[in-house]
Amino acid sequence: MKNINFPMLLLATLVILMFAGIGISIAYRNIWLVLLFLILGFGFMGYGIGLKKKSK
């Protein structure tokens, strides 16, 4: 069985939560939260991709 990379799993979960937050923000019709979650989601995703490239 392979070892689980918990920091990357946590980061991926955080990105998914940010994009779920966008959906919730759209439901509440709050444009500021949509923008916040969008920026945070892409920021965390870019950080994770950068970490993955650096580790290889």
PDB file of N, CA and C in Angstrom:
ATOM      1  N   MET A   1       0.839  -1.182   0.000  1.00  0.00           N
ATOM      2  CA  MET A   1       0.000   0.000   0.000  1.00  0.00           C
ATOM      3  C   MET A   1       0.880   1.239   0.000  1.00  0.00           C
ATOM      4  N   LYS A   2       0.511   2.220  -0.783  1.00  0.00           N
ATOM      5  CA  LYS A   2       1.313   3.440  -0.881  1.00  0.00           C
ATOM      6  C   LYS A   2       1.062   4.340   0.316  1.00  0.00           C
ATOM      7  N   ASN A   3       2.070   5.142   0.622  1.00  0.00           N
ATOM      8  CA  ASN A   3       1.913   6.122   1.695  1.00  0.00           C
ATOM      9  C   ASN A   3       1.069   7.294   1.195  1.00  0.00           C
ATOM     10  N   ILE A   4       0.272   7.833   2.101  1.00  0.00           N
ATOM     11  CA  ILE A   4      -0.581   8.962   1.760  1.00  0.00           C
ATOM     12  C   ILE A   4       0.164  10.248   2.071  1.00  0.00           C
ATOM     13  N   ASN A   5       0.203  11.143   1.108  1.00  0.00           N
ATOM     14  CA  ASN A   5       0.849  12.442   1.283  1.00  0.00           C
ATOM     15  C   ASN A   5      -0.188  13.398   1.896  1.00  0.00           C
ATOM     16  N   PHE A   6      -0.206  13.469   3.223  1.00  0.00           N
ATOM     17  CA  PHE A   6      -1.242  14.226   3.920  1.00  0.00           C
ATOM     18  C   PHE A   6      -1.226  15.727   3.651  1.00  0.00           C
ATOM     19  N   PRO A   7      -0.063  16.387   3.531  1.00  0.00           N
ATOM     20  CA  PRO A   7      -0.113  17.821   3.206  1.00  0.00           C
ATOM     21  C   PRO A   7      -0.764  18.111   1.858  1.00  0.00           C
ATOM     22  N   MET A   8      -0.472  17.291   0.852  1.00  0.00           N
ATOM     23  CA  MET A   8      -1.087  17.502  -0.461  1.00  0.00           C
ATOM     24  C   MET A   8      -2.576  17.129  -0.441  1.00  0.00           C
ATOM     25  N   LEU A   9      -2.940  16.126   0.356  1.00  0.00           N
ATOM     26  CA  LEU A   9      -4.342  15.767   0.505  1.00  0.00           C
ATOM     27  C   LEU A   9      -5.114  16.907   1.165  1.00  0.00           C
ATOM     28  N   LEU A  10      -4.522  17.515   2.175  1.00  0.00           N
ATOM     29  CA  LEU A  10      -5.152  18.645   2.845  1.00  0.00           C
ATOM     30  C   LEU A  10      -5.296  19.826   1.897  1.00  0.00           C
ATOM     31  N   LEU A  11      -4.275  20.078   1.103  1.00  0.00           N
ATOM     32  CA  LEU A  11      -4.321  21.179   0.136  1.00  0.00           C
ATOM     33  C   LEU A  11      -5.397  20.936  -0.924  1.00  0.00           C
ATOM     34  N   ALA A  12      -5.501  19.708  -1.412  1.00  0.00           N
ATOM     35  CA  ALA A  12      -6.528  19.381  -2.408  1.00  0.00           C
ATOM     36  C   ALA A  12      -7.929  19.527  -1.812  1.00  0.00           C
ATOM     37  N   THR A  13      -8.091  19.099  -0.568  1.00  0.00           N
ATOM     38  CA  THR A  13      -9.378  19.243   0.106  1.00  0.00           C
ATOM     39  C   THR A  13      -9.728  20.713   0.290  1.00  0.00           C
ATOM     40  N   LEU A  14      -8.736  21.523   0.600  1.00  0.00           N
ATOM     41  CA  LEU A  14      -8.950  22.955   0.779  1.00  0.00           C
ATOM     42  C   LEU A  14      -9.393  23.605  -0.529  1.00  0.00           C
ATOM     43  N   VAL A  15      -8.797  23.197  -1.638  1.00  0.00           N
ATOM     44  CA  VAL A  15      -9.192  23.736  -2.952  1.00  0.00           C
ATOM     45  C   VAL A  15     -10.642  23.357  -3.256  1.00  0.00           C
ATOM     46  N   ILE A  16     -11.013  22.111  -2.972  1.00  0.00           N
ATOM     47  CA  ILE A  16     -12.387  21.668  -3.217  1.00  0.00           C
ATOM     48  C   ILE A  16     -13.360  22.463  -2.352  1.00  0.00           C
ATOM     49  N   LEU A  17     -12.991  22.725  -1.103  1.00  0.00           N
ATOM     50  CA  LEU A  17     -13.853  23.515  -0.221  1.00  0.00           C
ATOM     51  C   LEU A  17     -14.002  24.954  -0.708  1.00  0.00           C
ATOM     52  N   MET A  18     -12.938  25.522  -1.275  1.00  0.00           N
ATOM     53  CA  MET A  18     -13.032  26.883  -1.805  1.00  0.00           C
ATOM     54  C   MET A  18     -14.014  26.940  -2.975  1.00  0.00           C
ATOM     55  N   PHE A  19     -13.968  25.937  -3.859  1.00  0.00           N
ATOM     56  CA  PHE A  19     -14.883  25.940  -4.996  1.00  0.00           C
ATOM     57  C   PHE A  19     -16.307  25.597  -4.569  1.00  0.00           C
ATOM     58  N   ALA A  20     -16.468  24.814  -3.517  1.00  0.00           N
ATOM     59  CA  ALA A  20     -17.806  24.593  -2.960  1.00  0.00           C
ATOM     60  C   ALA A  20     -18.318  25.895  -2.345  1.00  0.00           C
ATOM     61  N   GLY A  21     -17.418  26.669  -1.746  1.00  0.00           N
ATOM     62  CA  GLY A  21     -17.778  27.964  -1.184  1.00  0.00           C
ATOM     63  C   GLY A  21     -18.270  28.920  -2.253  1.00  0.00           C
ATOM     64  N   ILE A  22     -17.745  28.797  -3.461  1.00  0.00           N
ATOM     65  CA  ILE A  22     -18.225  29.626  -4.571  1.00  0.00           C
ATOM     66  C   ILE A  22     -19.690  29.300  -4.852  1.00  0.00           C
ATOM     67  N   GLY A  23     -20.020  28.026  -4.857  1.00  0.00           N
ATOM     68  CA  GLY A  23     -21.406  27.632  -5.094  1.00  0.00           C
ATOM     69  C   GLY A  23     -22.345  28.145  -4.013  1.00  0.00           C
ATOM     70  N   ILE A  24     -21.911  28.068  -2.776  1.00  0.00           N
ATOM     71  CA  ILE A  24     -22.726  28.571  -1.663  1.00  0.00           C
ATOM     72  C   ILE A  24     -22.873  30.087  -1.766  1.00  0.00           C
ATOM     73  N   SER A  25     -21.799  30.761  -2.143  1.00  0.00           N
ATOM     74  CA  SER A  25     -21.851  32.217  -2.283  1.00  0.00           C
ATOM     75  C   SER A  25     -22.777  32.646  -3.409  1.00  0.00           C
ATOM     76  N   ILE A  26     -22.798  31.876  -4.484  1.00  0.00           N
ATOM     77  CA  ILE A  26     -23.724  32.175  -5.572  1.00  0.00           C
ATOM     78  C   ILE A  26     -25.165  32.008  -5.090  1.00  0.00           C
ATOM     79  N   ALA A  27     -25.401  30.972  -4.270  1.00  0.00           N
ATOM     80  CA  ALA A  27     -26.751  30.752  -3.747  1.00  0.00           C
ATOM     81  C   ALA A  27     -27.196  31.921  -2.870  1.00  0.00           C
ATOM     82  N   TYR A  28     -26.264  32.500  -2.112  1.00  0.00           N
ATOM     83  CA  TYR A  28     -26.588  33.650  -1.265  1.00  0.00           C
ATOM     84  C   TYR A  28     -26.507  34.978  -2.018  1.00  0.00           C
ATOM     85  N   ARG A  29     -26.117  34.926  -3.283  1.00  0.00           N
ATOM     86  CA  ARG A  29     -25.995  36.108  -4.150  1.00  0.00           C
ATOM     87  C   ARG A  29     -25.066  37.164  -3.565  1.00  0.00           C
ATOM     88  N   ASN A  30     -23.909  36.697  -3.072  1.00  0.00           N
ATOM     89  CA  ASN A  30     -22.913  37.594  -2.502  1.00  0.00           C
ATOM     90  C   ASN A  30     -21.681  37.581  -3.410  1.00  0.00           C
ATOM     91  N   ILE A  31     -21.542  38.623  -4.228  1.00  0.00           N
ATOM     92  CA  ILE A  31     -20.465  38.668  -5.217  1.00  0.00           C
ATOM     93  C   ILE A  31     -19.096  38.754  -4.560  1.00  0.00           C
ATOM     94  N   TRP A  32     -19.015  39.381  -3.390  1.00  0.00           N
ATOM     95  CA  TRP A  32     -17.715  39.529  -2.724  1.00  0.00           C
ATOM     96  C   TRP A  32     -17.180  38.194  -2.232  1.00  0.00           C
ATOM     97  N   LEU A  33     -18.061  37.343  -1.720  1.00  0.00           N
ATOM     98  CA  LEU A  33     -17.610  36.016  -1.296  1.00  0.00           C
ATOM     99  C   LEU A  33     -17.262  35.148  -2.502  1.00  0.00           C
ATOM    100  N   VAL A  34     -17.982  35.308  -3.604  1.00  0.00           N
ATOM    101  CA  VAL A  34     -17.653  34.565  -4.824  1.00  0.00           C
ATOM    102  C   VAL A  34     -16.241  34.924  -5.268  1.00  0.00           C
ATOM    103  N   LEU A  35     -15.942  36.208  -5.299  1.00  0.00           N
ATOM    104  CA  LEU A  35     -14.607  36.647  -5.718  1.00  0.00           C
ATOM    105  C   LEU A  35     -13.530  36.167  -4.745  1.00  0.00           C
ATOM    106  N   LEU A  36     -13.822  36.247  -3.454  1.00  0.00           N
ATOM    107  CA  LEU A  36     -12.850  35.804  -2.445  1.00  0.00           C
ATOM    108  C   LEU A  36     -12.542  34.319  -2.594  1.00  0.00           C
ATOM    109  N   PHE A  37     -13.593  33.486  -2.665  1.00  0.00           N
ATOM    110  CA  PHE A  37     -13.380  32.043  -2.793  1.00  0.00           C
ATOM    111  C   PHE A  37     -12.729  31.686  -4.126  1.00  0.00           C
ATOM    112  N   LEU A  38     -13.027  32.437  -5.175  1.00  0.00           N
ATOM    113  CA  LEU A  38     -12.419  32.179  -6.473  1.00  0.00           C
ATOM    114  C   LEU A  38     -10.916  32.455  -6.430  1.00  0.00           C
ATOM    115  N   ILE A  39     -10.547  33.584  -5.864  1.00  0.00           N
ATOM    116  CA  ILE A  39      -9.128  33.929  -5.764  1.00  0.00           C
ATOM    117  C   ILE A  39      -8.386  32.943  -4.864  1.00  0.00           C
ATOM    118  N   LEU A  40      -8.994  32.609  -3.717  1.00  0.00           N
ATOM    119  CA  LEU A  40      -8.353  31.653  -2.812  1.00  0.00           C
ATOM    120  C   LEU A  40      -8.241  30.268  -3.441  1.00  0.00           C
ATOM    121  N   GLY A  41      -9.279  29.833  -4.149  1.00  0.00           N
ATOM    122  CA  GLY A  41      -9.249  28.514  -4.785  1.00  0.00           C
ATOM    123  C   GLY A  41      -8.147  28.407  -5.824  1.00  0.00           C
ATOM    124  N   PHE A  42      -8.049  29.407  -6.703  1.00  0.00           N
ATOM    125  CA  PHE A  42      -6.992  29.370  -7.712  1.00  0.00           C
ATOM    126  C   PHE A  42      -5.619  29.583  -7.084  1.00  0.00           C
ATOM    127  N   GLY A  43      -5.559  30.363  -6.020  1.00  0.00           N
ATOM    128  CA  GLY A  43      -4.283  30.563  -5.331  1.00  0.00           C
ATOM    129  C   GLY A  43      -3.766  29.282  -4.708  1.00  0.00           C
ATOM    130  N   PHE A  44      -4.643  28.571  -3.986  1.00  0.00           N
ATOM    131  CA  PHE A  44      -4.238  27.297  -3.375  1.00  0.00           C
ATOM    132  C   PHE A  44      -3.901  26.256  -4.437  1.00  0.00           C
ATOM    133  N   MET A  45      -4.648  26.257  -5.551  1.00  0.00           N
ATOM    134  CA  MET A  45      -4.367  25.299  -6.611  1.00  0.00           C
ATOM    135  C   MET A  45      -3.013  25.580  -7.252  1.00  0.00           C
ATOM    136  N   GLY A  46      -2.724  26.845  -7.505  1.00  0.00           N
ATOM    137  CA  GLY A  46      -1.420  27.202  -8.067  1.00  0.00           C
ATOM    138  C   GLY A  46      -0.278  26.860  -7.136  1.00  0.00           C
ATOM    139  N   TYR A  47      -0.500  27.079  -5.837  1.00  0.00           N
ATOM    140  CA  TYR A  47       0.527  26.724  -4.853  1.00  0.00           C
ATOM    141  C   TYR A  47       0.780  25.215  -4.848  1.00  0.00           C
ATOM    142  N   GLY A  48      -0.273  24.428  -4.919  1.00  0.00           N
ATOM    143  CA  GLY A  48      -0.127  22.976  -4.947  1.00  0.00           C
ATOM    144  C   GLY A  48       0.574  22.487  -6.198  1.00  0.00           C
ATOM    145  N   ILE A  49       0.243  23.073  -7.345  1.00  0.00           N
ATOM    146  CA  ILE A  49       0.907  22.684  -8.593  1.00  0.00           C
ATOM    147  C   ILE A  49       2.388  23.062  -8.533  1.00  0.00           C
ATOM    148  N   GLY A  50       2.681  24.225  -7.964  1.00  0.00           N
ATOM    149  CA  GLY A  50       4.079  24.621  -7.804  1.00  0.00           C
ATOM    150  C   GLY A  50       4.853  23.685  -6.898  1.00  0.00           C
ATOM    151  N   LEU A  51       4.229  23.244  -5.818  1.00  0.00           N
ATOM    152  CA  LEU A  51       4.892  22.282  -4.924  1.00  0.00           C
ATOM    153  C   LEU A  51       5.138  20.951  -5.625  1.00  0.00           C
ATOM    154  N   LYS A  52       4.183  20.513  -6.426  1.00  0.00           N
ATOM    155  CA  LYS A  52       4.330  19.240  -7.120  1.00  0.00           C
ATOM    156  C   LYS A  52       5.456  19.305  -8.149  1.00  0.00           C
ATOM    157  N   LYS A  53       5.534  20.438  -8.880  1.00  0.00           N
ATOM    158  CA  LYS A  53       6.608  20.583  -9.863  1.00  0.00           C
ATOM    159  C   LYS A  53       7.965  20.660  -9.187  1.00  0.00           C
ATOM    160  N   LYS A  54       8.027  21.331  -8.037  1.00  0.00           N
ATOM    161  CA  LYS A  54       9.282  21.472  -7.325  1.00  0.00           C
ATOM    162  C   LYS A  54       9.767  20.134  -6.765  1.00  0.00           C
ATOM    163  N   SER A  55       8.846  19.250  -6.386  1.00  0.00           N
ATOM    164  CA  SER A  55       9.233  17.966  -5.793  1.00  0.00           C
ATOM    165  C   SER A  55       9.738  16.981  -6.842  1.00  0.00           C
ATOM    166  N   LYS A  56       9.380  17.171  -8.114  1.00  0.00           N
ATOM    167  CA  LYS A  56       9.826  16.239  -9.154  1.00  0.00           C
ATOM    168  C   LYS A  56      11.156  16.587  -9.716  1.00  0.00           C
TER     169      LYS A  56
END
